């Protein structure tokens, strides 16, 4: 979907249409077969069929959906390459989650300790223990 000229009207690209078929083994995942079609619904042989895999992984915070492209020349080829593409998507997702965790951890700011005799806000004794997020 793209925004039209006035930036408020959602319009579809009539030369980028695909018919979507869903293939699943009801166990491991799903392959979406995207067949190019013309605006009148007939097949568009000038563009190639696309294959997209979908799977889920269980994380500490719940189920995380994964979506990934499968470079394939046929449905049989996509089925054969599903496992390798899913594994690559899982590895990429784990790396991205680790990077997000690192970024979140490095954004913590721990204020410097106040001298033991100083009083903080409201006359309370100061001293570390407070964590401020930027």
C-alpha atoms as a PDB file:
ATOM      1  CA  UNK A   1       0.000   0.000   0.000  1.00  0.00           C
ATOM      2  CA  UNK A   2       1.281   3.443  -0.878  1.00  0.00           C
ATOM      3  CA  UNK A   3      -0.035   6.862  -0.062  1.00  0.00           C
ATOM      4  CA  UNK A   4      -1.555   8.782  -2.936  1.00  0.00           C
ATOM      5  CA  UNK A   5      -0.547  12.228  -4.134  1.00  0.00           C
ATOM      6  CA  UNK A   6      -2.412  14.037  -1.352  1.00  0.00           C
ATOM      7  CA  UNK A   7      -0.677  11.783   1.259  1.00  0.00           C
ATOM      8  CA  UNK A   8      -3.989  10.789   2.878  1.00  0.00           C
ATOM      9  CA  UNK A   9      -5.467   8.333   0.369  1.00  0.00           C
ATOM     10  CA  UNK A  10      -4.053   4.798   0.570  1.00  0.00           C
ATOM     11  CA  UNK A  11      -3.733   3.382  -2.928  1.00  0.00           C
ATOM     12  CA  UNK A  12      -2.533   0.014  -4.204  1.00  0.00           C
ATOM     13  CA  UNK A  13       0.145  -0.278  -6.878  1.00  0.00           C
ATOM     14  CA  UNK A  14      -1.635  -1.840  -9.891  1.00  0.00           C
ATOM     15  CA  UNK A  15       1.660  -3.099 -11.385  1.00  0.00           C
ATOM     16  CA  UNK A  16       2.860  -4.725  -8.148  1.00  0.00           C
ATOM     17  CA  UNK A  17      -0.039  -7.079  -7.475  1.00  0.00           C
ATOM     18  CA  UNK A  18       0.393 -10.656  -6.237  1.00  0.00           C
ATOM     19  CA  UNK A  19      -2.011 -13.485  -5.527  1.00  0.00           C
ATOM     20  CA  UNK A  20      -1.119 -15.122  -2.223  1.00  0.00           C
ATOM     21  CA  UNK A  21      -1.430 -18.829  -1.504  1.00  0.00           C
ATOM     22  CA  UNK A  22      -0.613 -20.282   1.908  1.00  0.00           C
ATOM     23  CA  UNK A  23       1.062 -23.675   2.202  1.00  0.00           C
ATOM     24  CA  UNK A  24       1.577 -25.293   5.608  1.00  0.00           C
ATOM     25  CA  UNK A  25       2.511 -28.629   7.113  1.00  0.00           C
ATOM     26  CA  UNK A  26       0.566 -27.598  10.271  1.00  0.00           C
ATOM     27  CA  UNK A  27       3.636 -28.440  12.306  1.00  0.00           C
ATOM     28  CA  UNK A  28       6.721 -26.345  11.610  1.00  0.00           C
ATOM     29  CA  UNK A  29       5.706 -23.346   9.573  1.00  0.00           C
ATOM     30  CA  UNK A  30       4.089 -21.742   6.590  1.00  0.00           C
ATOM     31  CA  UNK A  31       5.214 -20.842   3.102  1.00  0.00           C
ATOM     32  CA  UNK A  32       3.455 -17.986   1.370  1.00  0.00           C
ATOM     33  CA  UNK A  33       3.534 -18.298  -2.408  1.00  0.00           C
ATOM     34  CA  UNK A  34       3.197 -14.872  -4.032  1.00  0.00           C
ATOM     35  CA  UNK A  35       2.216 -15.221  -7.681  1.00  0.00           C
ATOM     36  CA  UNK A  36       2.428 -12.016  -9.750  1.00  0.00           C
ATOM     37  CA  UNK A  37      -0.821 -10.986 -11.392  1.00  0.00           C
ATOM     38  CA  UNK A  38      -1.967  -8.116 -13.555  1.00  0.00           C
ATOM     39  CA  UNK A  39      -4.709  -5.733 -12.463  1.00  0.00           C
ATOM     40  CA  UNK A  40      -7.268  -7.846 -14.357  1.00  0.00           C
ATOM     41  CA  UNK A  41      -6.289 -10.928 -12.312  1.00  0.00           C
ATOM     42  CA  UNK A  42      -4.426 -12.774 -15.055  1.00  0.00           C
ATOM     43  CA  UNK A  43      -0.936 -14.146 -14.403  1.00  0.00           C
ATOM     44  CA  UNK A  44       1.966 -11.777 -15.063  1.00  0.00           C
ATOM     45  CA  UNK A  45       4.715 -13.938 -16.608  1.00  0.00           C
ATOM     46  CA  UNK A  46       7.124 -10.973 -16.687  1.00  0.00           C
ATOM     47  CA  UNK A  47       7.708 -11.206 -12.918  1.00  0.00           C
ATOM     48  CA  UNK A  48       8.870 -14.157 -10.848  1.00  0.00           C
ATOM     49  CA  UNK A  49       6.948 -16.006  -8.152  1.00  0.00           C
ATOM     50  CA  UNK A  50       8.126 -15.113  -4.642  1.00  0.00           C
ATOM     51  CA  UNK A  51       8.288 -17.427  -1.636  1.00  0.00           C
ATOM     52  CA  UNK A  52       8.149 -16.221   1.973  1.00  0.00           C
ATOM     53  CA  UNK A  53       8.503 -18.407   5.040  1.00  0.00           C
ATOM     54  CA  UNK A  54       6.868 -17.897   8.409  1.00  0.00           C
ATOM     55  CA  UNK A  55       7.646 -19.642  11.688  1.00  0.00           C
ATOM     56  CA  UNK A  56       7.569 -18.926  15.411  1.00  0.00           C
ATOM     57  CA  UNK A  57      10.141 -19.249  18.156  1.00  0.00           C
ATOM     58  CA  UNK A  58       9.493 -19.381  21.871  1.00  0.00           C
ATOM     59  CA  UNK A  59      11.357 -16.749  23.903  1.00  0.00           C
ATOM     60  CA  UNK A  60      11.371 -15.866  27.601  1.00  0.00           C
ATOM     61  CA  UNK A  61       8.771 -13.192  26.873  1.00  0.00           C
ATOM     62  CA  UNK A  62       6.518 -15.357  24.719  1.00  0.00           C
ATOM     63  CA  UNK A  63       6.122 -16.439  21.121  1.00  0.00           C
ATOM     64  CA  UNK A  64       8.004 -14.383  18.528  1.00  0.00           C
ATOM     65  CA  UNK A  65       6.834 -14.607  14.906  1.00  0.00           C
ATOM     66  CA  UNK A  66       9.511 -14.789  12.212  1.00  0.00           C
ATOM     67  CA  UNK A  67       9.124 -13.846   8.573  1.00  0.00           C
ATOM     68  CA  UNK A  68      11.799 -14.507   5.955  1.00  0.00           C
ATOM     69  CA  UNK A  69      12.247 -14.697   2.203  1.00  0.00           C
ATOM     70  CA  UNK A  70      13.113 -18.009   0.587  1.00  0.00           C
ATOM     71  CA  UNK A  71      15.139 -17.853  -2.624  1.00  0.00           C
ATOM     72  CA  UNK A  72      13.522 -20.649  -4.616  1.00  0.00           C
ATOM     73  CA  UNK A  73      12.507 -21.517  -8.148  1.00  0.00           C
ATOM     74  CA  UNK A  74       9.493 -23.689  -7.248  1.00  0.00           C
ATOM     75  CA  UNK A  75       7.346 -24.698  -4.300  1.00  0.00           C
ATOM     76  CA  UNK A  76       9.307 -27.969  -3.942  1.00  0.00           C
ATOM     77  CA  UNK A  77      12.535 -25.939  -3.875  1.00  0.00           C
ATOM     78  CA  UNK A  78      11.046 -23.582  -1.243  1.00  0.00           C
ATOM     79  CA  UNK A  79      10.018 -26.538   0.937  1.00  0.00           C
ATOM     80  CA  UNK A  80      13.542 -27.944   0.695  1.00  0.00           C
ATOM     81  CA  UNK A  81      15.141 -24.580   1.565  1.00  0.00           C
ATOM     82  CA  UNK A  82      12.673 -23.704   4.357  1.00  0.00           C
ATOM     83  CA  UNK A  83      14.790 -25.108   7.215  1.00  0.00           C
ATOM     84  CA  UNK A  84      17.969 -23.278   6.193  1.00  0.00           C
ATOM     85  CA  UNK A  85      16.116 -19.982   5.678  1.00  0.00           C
ATOM     86  CA  UNK A  86      14.324 -20.356   9.030  1.00  0.00           C
ATOM     87  CA  UNK A  87      17.608 -21.118  10.811  1.00  0.00           C
ATOM     88  CA  UNK A  88      19.210 -18.007   9.285  1.00  0.00           C
ATOM     89  CA  UNK A  89      16.201 -15.901  10.363  1.00  0.00           C
ATOM     90  CA  UNK A  90      16.419 -17.281  13.920  1.00  0.00           C
ATOM     91  CA  UNK A  91      20.149 -16.516  14.117  1.00  0.00           C
ATOM     92  CA  UNK A  92      19.588 -12.994  12.761  1.00  0.00           C
ATOM     93  CA  UNK A  93      16.754 -12.398  15.240  1.00  0.00           C
ATOM     94  CA  UNK A  94      18.831 -13.644  18.192  1.00  0.00           C
ATOM     95  CA  UNK A  95      21.682 -11.295  17.183  1.00  0.00           C
ATOM     96  CA  UNK A  96      19.240  -8.372  16.916  1.00  0.00           C
ATOM     97  CA  UNK A  97      17.729  -9.173  20.334  1.00  0.00           C
ATOM     98  CA  UNK A  98      21.196  -9.363  21.897  1.00  0.00           C
ATOM     99  CA  UNK A  99      22.097  -6.002  20.342  1.00  0.00           C
ATOM    100  CA  UNK A 100      18.870  -4.442  21.662  1.00  0.00           C
ATOM    101  CA  UNK A 101      19.635  -5.843  25.117  1.00  0.00           C
ATOM    102  CA  UNK A 102      23.180  -4.412  24.952  1.00  0.00           C
ATOM    103  CA  UNK A 103      21.875  -1.004  23.870  1.00  0.00           C
ATOM    104  CA  UNK A 104      19.297  -0.976  26.662  1.00  0.00           C
ATOM    105  CA  UNK A 105      21.929  -1.932  29.244  1.00  0.00           C
ATOM    106  CA  UNK A 106      24.387   0.704  28.052  1.00  0.00           C
ATOM    107  CA  UNK A 107      21.770   3.456  28.203  1.00  0.00           C
ATOM    108  CA  UNK A 108      21.459   3.191  32.007  1.00  0.00           C
ATOM    109  CA  UNK A 109      22.951   6.144  33.852  1.00  0.00           C
ATOM    110  CA  UNK A 110      23.945   5.635  37.481  1.00  0.00           C
ATOM    111  CA  UNK A 111      24.389   8.962  39.266  1.00  0.00           C
ATOM    112  CA  UNK A 112      27.611   9.607  41.182  1.00  0.00           C
ATOM    113  CA  UNK A 113      27.523   8.989  44.920  1.00  0.00           C
ATOM    114  CA  UNK A 114      26.866  11.993  47.057  1.00  0.00           C
ATOM    115  CA  UNK A 115      29.194  12.669  50.002  1.00  0.00           C
ATOM    116  CA  UNK A 116      27.998  10.877  53.182  1.00  0.00           C
ATOM    117  CA  UNK A 117      27.130  14.119  54.981  1.00  0.00           C
ATOM    118  CA  UNK A 118      25.131  15.700  52.162  1.00  0.00           C
ATOM    119  CA  UNK A 119      21.378  15.759  52.100  1.00  0.00           C
ATOM    120  CA  UNK A 120      19.422  14.953  48.980  1.00  0.00           C
ATOM    121  CA  UNK A 121      16.003  16.234  47.913  1.00  0.00           C
ATOM    122  CA  UNK A 122      13.613  16.648  50.842  1.00  0.00           C
ATOM    123  CA  UNK A 123      16.442  16.480  53.356  1.00  0.00           C
ATOM    124  CA  UNK A 124      17.038  12.774  52.712  1.00  0.00           C
ATOM    125  CA  UNK A 125      20.526  11.395  52.761  1.00  0.00           C
ATOM    126  CA  UNK A 126      21.947  11.030  49.299  1.00  0.00           C
ATOM    127  CA  UNK A 127      24.075   8.257  47.972  1.00  0.00           C
ATOM    128  CA  UNK A 128      23.808   5.888  44.984  1.00  0.00           C
ATOM    129  CA  UNK A 129      21.057   3.373  44.525  1.00  0.00           C
ATOM    130  CA  UNK A 130      19.050   5.433  42.050  1.00  0.00           C
ATOM    131  CA  UNK A 131      19.054   4.525  38.396  1.00  0.00           C
ATOM    132  CA  UNK A 132      18.023   7.128  35.879  1.00  0.00           C
ATOM    133  CA  UNK A 133      17.096   6.345  32.297  1.00  0.00           C
ATOM    134  CA  UNK A 134      18.156   8.947  29.744  1.00  0.00           C
END
